[in-house]
């Protein structure tokens, strides 16, 4: 699903919890050491091609290190209210709407 917007993160490896996986993924993808806050949403989504994902989203209000784009086509900071302007992956769209409406943070 190239050129769609998505939130950083990824798959859990054996023996990892969701928070540990996010810490690792943010370091690999953005070069930062994040302090993981509370889980704000969980989404289960099945794509038209039959692929399914079980996503957990966490607040990150604090990190150290300089953010560096290691894997994405583009990287941006955005106001929550501006998120619906971006073409997000289908699994993220409900979360994007809730964030923009101020329902989660």
PDB file of N, CA and C in Angstrom:
ATOM      1  N   UNK A   1       0.835  -1.181   0.000  1.00  0.00           N
ATOM      2  CA  UNK A   1       0.000   0.000   0.000  1.00  0.00           C
ATOM      3  C   UNK A   1       0.879   1.243   0.000  1.00  0.00           C
ATOM      4  N   UNK A   2       1.693   1.296  -1.003  1.00  0.00           N
ATOM      5  CA  UNK A   2       2.670   2.378  -1.121  1.00  0.00           C
ATOM      6  C   UNK A   2       1.998   3.742  -1.191  1.00  0.00           C
ATOM      7  N   UNK A   3       2.679   4.724  -0.660  1.00  0.00           N
ATOM      8  CA  UNK A   3       2.314   6.132  -0.672  1.00  0.00           C
ATOM      9  C   UNK A   3       1.059   6.462   0.133  1.00  0.00           C
ATOM     10  N   UNK A   4       0.627   5.570   0.978  1.00  0.00           N
ATOM     11  CA  UNK A   4      -0.444   5.856   1.933  1.00  0.00           C
ATOM     12  C   UNK A   4       0.218   6.315   3.221  1.00  0.00           C
ATOM     13  N   UNK A   5      -0.453   7.185   3.956  1.00  0.00           N
ATOM     14  CA  UNK A   5       0.056   7.623   5.248  1.00  0.00           C
ATOM     15  C   UNK A   5      -0.250   6.556   6.295  1.00  0.00           C
ATOM     16  N   UNK A   6       0.641   6.427   7.250  1.00  0.00           N
ATOM     17  CA  UNK A   6       0.453   5.491   8.350  1.00  0.00           C
ATOM     18  C   UNK A   6       1.197   6.007   9.567  1.00  0.00           C
ATOM     19  N   UNK A   7       0.855   5.446  10.703  1.00  0.00           N
ATOM     20  CA  UNK A   7       1.550   5.786  11.936  1.00  0.00           C
ATOM     21  C   UNK A   7       2.757   4.869  12.082  1.00  0.00           C
ATOM     22  N   UNK A   8       3.848   5.343  12.671  1.00  0.00           N
ATOM     23  CA  UNK A   8       5.006   4.470  12.860  1.00  0.00           C
ATOM     24  C   UNK A   8       4.677   3.330  13.818  1.00  0.00           C
ATOM     25  N   UNK A   9       5.391   2.249  13.670  1.00  0.00           N
ATOM     26  CA  UNK A   9       5.195   1.059  14.500  1.00  0.00           C
ATOM     27  C   UNK A   9       5.313  -0.168  13.629  1.00  0.00           C
ATOM     28  N   UNK A  10       5.029  -1.324  14.197  1.00  0.00           N
ATOM     29  CA  UNK A  10       5.139  -2.537  13.401  1.00  0.00           C
ATOM     30  C   UNK A  10       4.814  -3.772  14.202  1.00  0.00           C
ATOM     31  N   UNK A  11       5.249  -4.881  13.683  1.00  0.00           N
ATOM     32  CA  UNK A  11       4.927  -6.184  14.256  1.00  0.00           C
ATOM     33  C   UNK A  11       5.705  -6.462  15.536  1.00  0.00           C
ATOM     34  N   UNK A  12       5.031  -7.162  16.436  1.00  0.00           N
ATOM     35  CA  UNK A  12       5.700  -7.627  17.653  1.00  0.00           C
ATOM     36  C   UNK A  12       6.549  -8.845  17.299  1.00  0.00           C
ATOM     37  N   UNK A  13       7.707  -8.913  17.898  1.00  0.00           N
ATOM     38  CA  UNK A  13       8.566 -10.080  17.734  1.00  0.00           C
ATOM     39  C   UNK A  13       8.310 -11.034  18.891  1.00  0.00           C
ATOM     40  N   UNK A  14       8.682 -12.303  18.730  1.00  0.00           N
ATOM     41  CA  UNK A  14       8.450 -13.274  19.820  1.00  0.00           C
ATOM     42  C   UNK A  14       9.023 -12.777  21.148  1.00  0.00           C
ATOM     43  N   UNK A  15       8.199 -12.877  22.190  1.00  0.00           N
ATOM     44  CA  UNK A  15       8.628 -12.469  23.525  1.00  0.00           C
ATOM     45  C   UNK A  15       8.418 -11.002  23.835  1.00  0.00           C
ATOM     46  N   UNK A  16       7.979 -10.192  22.862  1.00  0.00           N
ATOM     47  CA  UNK A  16       7.752  -8.770  23.076  1.00  0.00           C
ATOM     48  C   UNK A  16       6.294  -8.503  23.429  1.00  0.00           C
ATOM     49  N   UNK A  17       6.089  -7.532  24.297  1.00  0.00           N
ATOM     50  CA  UNK A  17       4.767  -6.977  24.506  1.00  0.00           C
ATOM     51  C   UNK A  17       4.571  -5.823  23.556  1.00  0.00           C
ATOM     52  N   UNK A  18       3.354  -5.292  23.455  1.00  0.00           N
ATOM     53  CA  UNK A  18       3.109  -4.193  22.511  1.00  0.00           C
ATOM     54  C   UNK A  18       3.950  -2.952  22.776  1.00  0.00           C
ATOM     55  N   UNK A  19       4.129  -2.594  24.036  1.00  0.00           N
ATOM     56  CA  UNK A  19       4.920  -1.399  24.349  1.00  0.00           C
ATOM     57  C   UNK A  19       6.385  -1.604  23.983  1.00  0.00           C
ATOM     58  N   UNK A  20       6.918  -2.787  24.267  1.00  0.00           N
ATOM     59  CA  UNK A  20       8.318  -3.082  23.916  1.00  0.00           C
ATOM     60  C   UNK A  20       8.503  -3.049  22.400  1.00  0.00           C
ATOM     61  N   UNK A  21       7.541  -3.599  21.675  1.00  0.00           N
ATOM     62  CA  UNK A  21       7.624  -3.594  20.215  1.00  0.00           C
ATOM     63  C   UNK A  21       7.616  -2.172  19.675  1.00  0.00           C
ATOM     64  N   UNK A  22       6.773  -1.316  20.256  1.00  0.00           N
ATOM     65  CA  UNK A  22       6.714   0.067  19.787  1.00  0.00           C
ATOM     66  C   UNK A  22       8.008   0.813  20.086  1.00  0.00           C
ATOM     67  N   UNK A  23       8.584   0.592  21.242  1.00  0.00           N
ATOM     68  CA  UNK A  23       9.878   1.211  21.557  1.00  0.00           C
ATOM     69  C   UNK A  23      10.921   0.807  20.514  1.00  0.00           C
ATOM     70  N   UNK A  24      10.990  -0.491  20.210  1.00  0.00           N
ATOM     71  CA  UNK A  24      11.954  -0.989  19.213  1.00  0.00           C
ATOM     72  C   UNK A  24      11.676  -0.404  17.836  1.00  0.00           C
ATOM     73  N   UNK A  25      10.408  -0.445  17.424  1.00  0.00           N
ATOM     74  CA  UNK A  25      10.044   0.038  16.091  1.00  0.00           C
ATOM     75  C   UNK A  25      10.325   1.534  15.925  1.00  0.00           C
ATOM     76  N   UNK A  26      10.005   2.339  16.928  1.00  0.00           N
ATOM     77  CA  UNK A  26      10.270   3.775  16.833  1.00  0.00           C
ATOM     78  C   UNK A  26      11.763   4.060  16.754  1.00  0.00           C
ATOM     79  N   UNK A  27      12.551   3.247  17.426  1.00  0.00           N
ATOM     80  CA  UNK A  27      13.996   3.404  17.328  1.00  0.00           C
ATOM     81  C   UNK A  27      14.483   3.018  15.935  1.00  0.00           C
ATOM     82  N   UNK A  28      13.978   1.897  15.402  1.00  0.00           N
ATOM     83  CA  UNK A  28      14.400   1.446  14.070  1.00  0.00           C
ATOM     84  C   UNK A  28      13.928   2.393  12.968  1.00  0.00           C
ATOM     85  N   UNK A  29      12.697   2.866  13.064  1.00  0.00           N
ATOM     86  CA  UNK A  29      12.105   3.671  11.999  1.00  0.00           C
ATOM     87  C   UNK A  29      12.457   5.150  12.078  1.00  0.00           C
ATOM     88  N   UNK A  30      12.577   5.675  13.310  1.00  0.00           N
ATOM     89  CA  UNK A  30      12.768   7.115  13.480  1.00  0.00           C
ATOM     90  C   UNK A  30      14.011   7.494  14.272  1.00  0.00           C
ATOM     91  N   UNK A  31      14.717   6.505  14.822  1.00  0.00           N
ATOM     92  CA  UNK A  31      15.935   6.780  15.563  1.00  0.00           C
ATOM     93  C   UNK A  31      15.711   7.445  16.907  1.00  0.00           C
ATOM     94  N   UNK A  32      14.537   7.262  17.499  1.00  0.00           N
ATOM     95  CA  UNK A  32      14.247   7.896  18.792  1.00  0.00           C
ATOM     96  C   UNK A  32      14.055   6.838  19.875  1.00  0.00           C
ATOM     97  N   UNK A  33      14.265   7.260  21.110  1.00  0.00           N
ATOM     98  CA  UNK A  33      13.988   6.429  22.284  1.00  0.00           C
ATOM     99  C   UNK A  33      12.741   7.011  22.929  1.00  0.00           C
ATOM    100  N   UNK A  34      11.621   6.308  22.773  1.00  0.00           N
ATOM    101  CA  UNK A  34      10.321   6.826  23.183  1.00  0.00           C
ATOM    102  C   UNK A  34       9.905   6.315  24.551  1.00  0.00           C
ATOM    103  N   UNK A  35       9.171   7.166  25.258  1.00  0.00           N
ATOM    104  CA  UNK A  35       8.494   6.783  26.492  1.00  0.00           C
ATOM    105  C   UNK A  35       7.047   6.507  26.083  1.00  0.00           C
ATOM    106  N   UNK A  36       6.625   5.263  26.217  1.00  0.00           N
ATOM    107  CA  UNK A  36       5.308   4.862  25.753  1.00  0.00           C
ATOM    108  C   UNK A  36       4.265   5.169  26.828  1.00  0.00           C
ATOM    109  N   UNK A  37       3.239   5.909  26.426  1.00  0.00           N
ATOM    110  CA  UNK A  37       2.147   6.264  27.323  1.00  0.00           C
ATOM    111  C   UNK A  37       1.029   5.240  27.231  1.00  0.00           C
ATOM    112  N   UNK A  38      -0.169   5.630  27.626  1.00  0.00           N
ATOM    113  CA  UNK A  38      -1.294   4.705  27.645  1.00  0.00           C
ATOM    114  C   UNK A  38      -1.764   4.322  26.243  1.00  0.00           C
ATOM    115  N   UNK A  39      -2.351   3.129  26.151  1.00  0.00           N
ATOM    116  CA  UNK A  39      -2.967   2.717  24.888  1.00  0.00           C
ATOM    117  C   UNK A  39      -4.217   3.566  24.702  1.00  0.00           C
ATOM    118  N   UNK A  40      -4.368   4.142  23.516  1.00  0.00           N
ATOM    119  CA  UNK A  40      -5.520   5.003  23.256  1.00  0.00           C
ATOM    120  C   UNK A  40      -6.557   4.343  22.352  1.00  0.00           C
ATOM    121  N   UNK A  41      -6.159   3.296  21.635  1.00  0.00           N
ATOM    122  CA  UNK A  41      -7.115   2.632  20.749  1.00  0.00           C
ATOM    123  C   UNK A  41      -6.587   1.264  20.342  1.00  0.00           C
ATOM    124  N   UNK A  42      -7.543   0.404  20.002  1.00  0.00           N
ATOM    125  CA  UNK A  42      -7.214  -0.899  19.416  1.00  0.00           C
ATOM    126  C   UNK A  42      -8.161  -1.087  18.248  1.00  0.00           C
ATOM    127  N   UNK A  43      -7.606  -1.479  17.098  1.00  0.00           N
ATOM    128  CA  UNK A  43      -8.382  -1.611  15.869  1.00  0.00           C
ATOM    129  C   UNK A  43      -8.094  -2.968  15.245  1.00  0.00           C
ATOM    130  N   UNK A  44      -9.152  -3.680  14.910  1.00  0.00           N
ATOM    131  CA  UNK A  44      -9.026  -4.910  14.120  1.00  0.00           C
ATOM    132  C   UNK A  44      -9.646  -4.613  12.763  1.00  0.00           C
ATOM    133  N   UNK A  45      -8.878  -4.859  11.710  1.00  0.00           N
ATOM    134  CA  UNK A  45      -9.343  -4.495  10.367  1.00  0.00           C
ATOM    135  C   UNK A  45      -8.996  -5.618   9.390  1.00  0.00           C
ATOM    136  N   UNK A  46      -9.958  -5.927   8.523  1.00  0.00           N
ATOM    137  CA  UNK A  46      -9.721  -6.889   7.449  1.00  0.00           C
ATOM    138  C   UNK A  46      -9.781  -6.140   6.126  1.00  0.00           C
ATOM    139  N   UNK A  47      -8.706  -6.228   5.365  1.00  0.00           N
ATOM    140  CA  UNK A  47      -8.641  -5.568   4.064  1.00  0.00           C
ATOM    141  C   UNK A  47      -9.381  -6.399   3.016  1.00  0.00           C
ATOM    142  N   UNK A  48      -9.727  -5.760   1.897  1.00  0.00           N
ATOM    143  CA  UNK A  48     -10.457  -6.445   0.819  1.00  0.00           C
ATOM    144  C   UNK A  48      -9.711  -7.652   0.273  1.00  0.00           C
ATOM    145  N   UNK A  49      -8.395  -7.613   0.329  1.00  0.00           N
ATOM    146  CA  UNK A  49      -7.600  -8.735  -0.180  1.00  0.00           C
ATOM    147  C   UNK A  49      -7.562  -9.904   0.804  1.00  0.00           C
ATOM    148  N   UNK A  50      -8.228  -9.741   1.954  1.00  0.00           N
ATOM    149  CA  UNK A  50      -8.279 -10.812   2.951  1.00  0.00           C
ATOM    150  C   UNK A  50      -7.265 -10.683   4.070  1.00  0.00           C
ATOM    151  N   UNK A  51      -6.292  -9.802   3.910  1.00  0.00           N
ATOM    152  CA  UNK A  51      -5.309  -9.595   4.969  1.00  0.00           C
ATOM    153  C   UNK A  51      -5.956  -8.909   6.169  1.00  0.00           C
ATOM    154  N   UNK A  52      -5.569  -9.334   7.348  1.00  0.00           N
ATOM    155  CA  UNK A  52      -6.144  -8.757   8.564  1.00  0.00           C
ATOM    156  C   UNK A  52      -5.036  -8.228   9.460  1.00  0.00           C
ATOM    157  N   UNK A  53      -5.354  -7.168  10.196  1.00  0.00           N
ATOM    158  CA  UNK A  53      -4.409  -6.585  11.154  1.00  0.00           C
ATOM    159  C   UNK A  53      -5.125  -6.344  12.476  1.00  0.00           C
ATOM    160  N   UNK A  54      -4.370  -6.446  13.547  1.00  0.00           N
ATOM    161  CA  UNK A  54      -4.839  -6.121  14.895  1.00  0.00           C
ATOM    162  C   UNK A  54      -3.874  -5.053  15.398  1.00  0.00           C
ATOM    163  N   UNK A  55      -4.319  -3.810  15.409  1.00  0.00           N
ATOM    164  CA  UNK A  55      -3.454  -2.671  15.715  1.00  0.00           C
ATOM    165  C   UNK A  55      -3.751  -2.118  17.102  1.00  0.00           C
ATOM    166  N   UNK A  56      -2.679  -1.729  17.781  1.00  0.00           N
ATOM    167  CA  UNK A  56      -2.810  -1.030  19.059  1.00  0.00           C
ATOM    168  C   UNK A  56      -2.086   0.298  18.917  1.00  0.00           C
ATOM    169  N   UNK A  57      -2.736   1.365  19.361  1.00  0.00           N
ATOM    170  CA  UNK A  57      -2.166   2.699  19.270  1.00  0.00           C
ATOM    171  C   UNK A  57      -1.919   3.233  20.674  1.00  0.00           C
ATOM    172  N   UNK A  58      -0.726   3.774  20.866  1.00  0.00           N
ATOM    173  CA  UNK A  58      -0.314   4.300  22.163  1.00  0.00           C
ATOM    174  C   UNK A  58       0.057   5.768  22.029  1.00  0.00           C
ATOM    175  N   UNK A  59      -0.172   6.524  23.085  1.00  0.00           N
ATOM    176  CA  UNK A  59       0.278   7.916  23.132  1.00  0.00           C
ATOM    177  C   UNK A  59       1.775   7.926  23.428  1.00  0.00           C
ATOM    178  N   UNK A  60       2.486   8.790  22.742  1.00  0.00           N
ATOM    179  CA  UNK A  60       3.908   9.031  23.015  1.00  0.00           C
ATOM    180  C   UNK A  60       4.058  10.538  23.160  1.00  0.00           C
ATOM    181  N   UNK A  61       4.246  10.984  24.385  1.00  0.00           N
ATOM    182  CA  UNK A  61       4.368  12.415  24.655  1.00  0.00           C
ATOM    183  C   UNK A  61       5.817  12.831  24.898  1.00  0.00           C
ATOM    184  N   UNK A  62       6.706  11.837  24.986  1.00  0.00           N
ATOM    185  CA  UNK A  62       8.096  12.145  25.340  1.00  0.00           C
ATOM    186  C   UNK A  62       9.031  11.174  24.617  1.00  0.00           C
ATOM    187  N   UNK A  63      10.116  11.714  24.086  1.00  0.00           N
ATOM    188  CA  UNK A  63      11.152  10.879  23.482  1.00  0.00           C
ATOM    189  C   UNK A  63      12.469  11.630  23.510  1.00  0.00           C
ATOM    190  N   UNK A  64      13.544  10.882  23.357  1.00  0.00           N
ATOM    191  CA  UNK A  64      14.858  11.498  23.255  1.00  0.00           C
ATOM    192  C   UNK A  64      15.486  11.079  21.932  1.00  0.00           C
ATOM    193  N   UNK A  65      16.438  11.866  21.504  1.00  0.00           N
ATOM    194  CA  UNK A  65      17.088  11.634  20.221  1.00  0.00           C
ATOM    195  C   UNK A  65      16.467  12.532  19.162  1.00  0.00           C
ATOM    196  N   UNK A  66      17.202  12.689  18.072  1.00  0.00           N
ATOM    197  CA  UNK A  66      16.709  13.505  16.964  1.00  0.00           C
ATOM    198  C   UNK A  66      15.979  12.612  15.982  1.00  0.00           C
ATOM    199  N   UNK A  67      14.734  12.955  15.679  1.00  0.00           N
ATOM    200  CA  UNK A  67      13.937  12.147  14.775  1.00  0.00           C
ATOM    201  C   UNK A  67      14.551  12.168  13.376  1.00  0.00           C
ATOM    202  N   UNK A  68      14.794  10.971  12.856  1.00  0.00           N
ATOM    203  CA  UNK A  68      15.387  10.799  11.540  1.00  0.00           C
ATOM    204  C   UNK A  68      14.559   9.770  10.780  1.00  0.00           C
ATOM    205  N   UNK A  69      14.177  10.084   9.576  1.00  0.00           N
ATOM    206  CA  UNK A  69      13.365   9.185   8.758  1.00  0.00           C
ATOM    207  C   UNK A  69      14.235   8.074   8.178  1.00  0.00           C
ATOM    208  N   UNK A  70      14.068   6.861   8.699  1.00  0.00           N
ATOM    209  CA  UNK A  70      14.867   5.725   8.224  1.00  0.00           C
ATOM    210  C   UNK A  70      14.159   4.887   7.165  1.00  0.00           C
ATOM    211  N   UNK A  71      12.817   4.912   7.093  1.00  0.00           N
ATOM    212  CA  UNK A  71      12.143   3.987   6.177  1.00  0.00           C
ATOM    213  C   UNK A  71      10.969   4.574   5.401  1.00  0.00           C
ATOM    214  N   UNK A  72      10.440   5.690   5.796  1.00  0.00           N
ATOM    215  CA  UNK A  72       9.214   6.191   5.182  1.00  0.00           C
ATOM    216  C   UNK A  72       9.506   7.053   3.967  1.00  0.00           C
ATOM    217  N   UNK A  73       8.525   7.166   3.069  1.00  0.00           N
ATOM    218  CA  UNK A  73       8.645   8.038   1.912  1.00  0.00           C
ATOM    219  C   UNK A  73       8.684   9.496   2.347  1.00  0.00           C
ATOM    220  N   UNK A  74       7.897   9.824   3.371  1.00  0.00           N
ATOM    221  CA  UNK A  74       7.841  11.190   3.892  1.00  0.00           C
ATOM    222  C   UNK A  74       7.488  11.112   5.370  1.00  0.00           C
ATOM    223  N   UNK A  75       7.798  12.152   6.088  1.00  0.00           N
ATOM    224  CA  UNK A  75       7.564  12.212   7.524  1.00  0.00           C
ATOM    225  C   UNK A  75       7.106  13.630   7.843  1.00  0.00           C
ATOM    226  N   UNK A  76       6.044  13.779   8.639  1.00  0.00           N
ATOM    227  CA  UNK A  76       5.580  15.111   9.020  1.00  0.00           C
ATOM    228  C   UNK A  76       4.959  15.134  10.389  1.00  0.00           C
ATOM    229  N   UNK A  77       5.093  16.295  11.017  1.00  0.00           N
ATOM    230  CA  UNK A  77       4.315  16.620  12.213  1.00  0.00           C
ATOM    231  C   UNK A  77       3.052  17.288  11.700  1.00  0.00           C
ATOM    232  N   UNK A  78       1.932  16.988  12.316  1.00  0.00           N
ATOM    233  CA  UNK A  78       0.677  17.575  11.871  1.00  0.00           C
ATOM    234  C   UNK A  78      -0.220  17.839  13.073  1.00  0.00           C
ATOM    235  N   UNK A  79      -1.033  18.863  12.982  1.00  0.00           N
ATOM    236  CA  UNK A  79      -2.070  19.071  13.975  1.00  0.00           C
ATOM    237  C   UNK A  79      -3.067  17.920  13.883  1.00  0.00           C
ATOM    238  N   UNK A  80      -3.623  17.509  15.004  1.00  0.00           N
ATOM    239  CA  UNK A  80      -4.603  16.421  14.981  1.00  0.00           C
ATOM    240  C   UNK A  80      -5.775  16.757  14.063  1.00  0.00           C
ATOM    241  N   UNK A  81      -6.200  17.996  14.072  1.00  0.00           N
ATOM    242  CA  UNK A  81      -7.335  18.397  13.239  1.00  0.00           C
ATOM    243  C   UNK A  81      -7.033  18.336  11.748  1.00  0.00           C
ATOM    244  N   UNK A  82      -5.762  18.302  11.371  1.00  0.00           N
ATOM    245  CA  UNK A  82      -5.377  18.226   9.962  1.00  0.00           C
ATOM    246  C   UNK A  82      -5.214  16.787   9.465  1.00  0.00           C
ATOM    247  N   UNK A  83      -5.212  15.813  10.354  1.00  0.00           N
ATOM    248  CA  UNK A  83      -4.967  14.429   9.948  1.00  0.00           C
ATOM    249  C   UNK A  83      -5.912  13.918   8.859  1.00  0.00           C
ATOM    250  N   UNK A  84      -7.215  14.251   8.885  1.00  0.00           N
ATOM    251  CA  UNK A  84      -8.098  13.720   7.833  1.00  0.00           C
ATOM    252  C   UNK A  84      -7.747  14.183   6.417  1.00  0.00           C
ATOM    253  N   UNK A  85      -6.897  15.184   6.275  1.00  0.00           N
ATOM    254  CA  UNK A  85      -6.487  15.652   4.949  1.00  0.00           C
ATOM    255  C   UNK A  85      -5.541  14.670   4.259  1.00  0.00           C
ATOM    256  N   UNK A  86      -4.953  13.747   5.031  1.00  0.00           N
ATOM    257  CA  UNK A  86      -3.970  12.805   4.493  1.00  0.00           C
ATOM    258  C   UNK A  86      -4.650  11.495   4.105  1.00  0.00           C
ATOM    259  N   UNK A  87      -4.114  10.834   3.116  1.00  0.00           N
ATOM    260  CA  UNK A  87      -4.660   9.561   2.619  1.00  0.00           C
ATOM    261  C   UNK A  87      -4.072   8.410   3.442  1.00  0.00           C
ATOM    262  N   UNK A  88      -4.696   8.123   4.584  1.00  0.00           N
ATOM    263  CA  UNK A  88      -4.229   7.080   5.488  1.00  0.00           C
ATOM    264  C   UNK A  88      -4.661   5.701   5.022  1.00  0.00           C
ATOM    265  N   UNK A  89      -3.943   4.689   5.507  1.00  0.00           N
ATOM    266  CA  UNK A  89      -4.351   3.308   5.307  1.00  0.00           C
ATOM    267  C   UNK A  89      -5.749   3.116   5.877  1.00  0.00           C
ATOM    268  N   UNK A  90      -6.528   2.242   5.265  1.00  0.00           N
ATOM    269  CA  UNK A  90      -7.920   2.025   5.683  1.00  0.00           C
ATOM    270  C   UNK A  90      -8.025   1.675   7.165  1.00  0.00           C
ATOM    271  N   UNK A  91      -7.105   0.886   7.683  1.00  0.00           N
ATOM    272  CA  UNK A  91      -7.166   0.463   9.088  1.00  0.00           C
ATOM    273  C   UNK A  91      -6.980   1.630  10.046  1.00  0.00           C
ATOM    274  N   UNK A  92      -6.371   2.709   9.604  1.00  0.00           N
ATOM    275  CA  UNK A  92      -6.097   3.871  10.460  1.00  0.00           C
ATOM    276  C   UNK A  92      -7.178   4.949  10.398  1.00  0.00           C
ATOM    277  N   UNK A  93      -8.090   4.883   9.453  1.00  0.00           N
ATOM    278  CA  UNK A  93      -9.002   6.002   9.196  1.00  0.00           C
ATOM    279  C   UNK A  93      -9.951   6.306  10.347  1.00  0.00           C
ATOM    280  N   UNK A  94     -10.472   5.308  11.020  1.00  0.00           N
ATOM    281  CA  UNK A  94     -11.348   5.555  12.167  1.00  0.00           C
ATOM    282  C   UNK A  94     -10.600   6.258  13.283  1.00  0.00           C
ATOM    283  N   UNK A  95      -9.380   5.812  13.536  1.00  0.00           N
ATOM    284  CA  UNK A  95      -8.543   6.454  14.553  1.00  0.00           C
ATOM    285  C   UNK A  95      -8.262   7.901  14.170  1.00  0.00           C
ATOM    286  N   UNK A  96      -7.947   8.139  12.913  1.00  0.00           N
ATOM    287  CA  UNK A  96      -7.670   9.498  12.430  1.00  0.00           C
ATOM    288  C   UNK A  96      -8.874  10.397  12.696  1.00  0.00           C
ATOM    289  N   UNK A  97     -10.074   9.918  12.392  1.00  0.00           N
ATOM    290  CA  UNK A  97     -11.286  10.716  12.627  1.00  0.00           C
ATOM    291  C   UNK A  97     -11.477  11.006  14.109  1.00  0.00           C
ATOM    292  N   UNK A  98     -11.259   9.984  14.963  1.00  0.00           N
ATOM    293  CA  UNK A  98     -11.415  10.172  16.410  1.00  0.00           C
ATOM    294  C   UNK A  98     -10.377  11.142  16.962  1.00  0.00           C
ATOM    295  N   UNK A  99      -9.135  11.046  16.487  1.00  0.00           N
ATOM    296  CA  UNK A  99      -8.102  11.985  16.934  1.00  0.00           C
ATOM    297  C   UNK A  99      -8.459  13.414  16.517  1.00  0.00           C
ATOM    298  N   UNK A 100      -8.880  13.572  15.270  1.00  0.00           N
ATOM    299  CA  UNK A 100      -9.211  14.907  14.768  1.00  0.00           C
ATOM    300  C   UNK A 100     -10.392  15.509  15.514  1.00  0.00           C
ATOM    301  N   UNK A 101     -11.322  14.672  15.960  1.00  0.00           N
ATOM    302  CA  UNK A 101     -12.501  15.143  16.686  1.00  0.00           C
ATOM    303  C   UNK A 101     -12.238  15.360  18.174  1.00  0.00           C
ATOM    304  N   UNK A 102     -11.015  15.056  18.623  1.00  0.00           N
ATOM    305  CA  UNK A 102     -10.668  15.256  20.035  1.00  0.00           C
ATOM    306  C   UNK A 102     -11.221  14.197  20.969  1.00  0.00           C
ATOM    307  N   UNK A 103     -11.554  13.039  20.436  1.00  0.00           N
ATOM    308  CA  UNK A 103     -12.168  11.985  21.252  1.00  0.00           C
ATOM    309  C   UNK A 103     -11.159  11.130  22.034  1.00  0.00           C
ATOM    310  N   UNK A 104      -9.884  11.151  21.654  1.00  0.00           N
ATOM    311  CA  UNK A 104      -8.930  10.214  22.255  1.00  0.00           C
ATOM    312  C   UNK A 104      -7.862  10.872  23.103  1.00  0.00           C
ATOM    313  N   UNK A 105      -7.456  12.053  22.803  1.00  0.00           N
ATOM    314  CA  UNK A 105      -6.361  12.705  23.540  1.00  0.00           C
ATOM    315  C   UNK A 105      -6.835  13.997  24.157  1.00  0.00           C
TER     316      UNK A 105
END
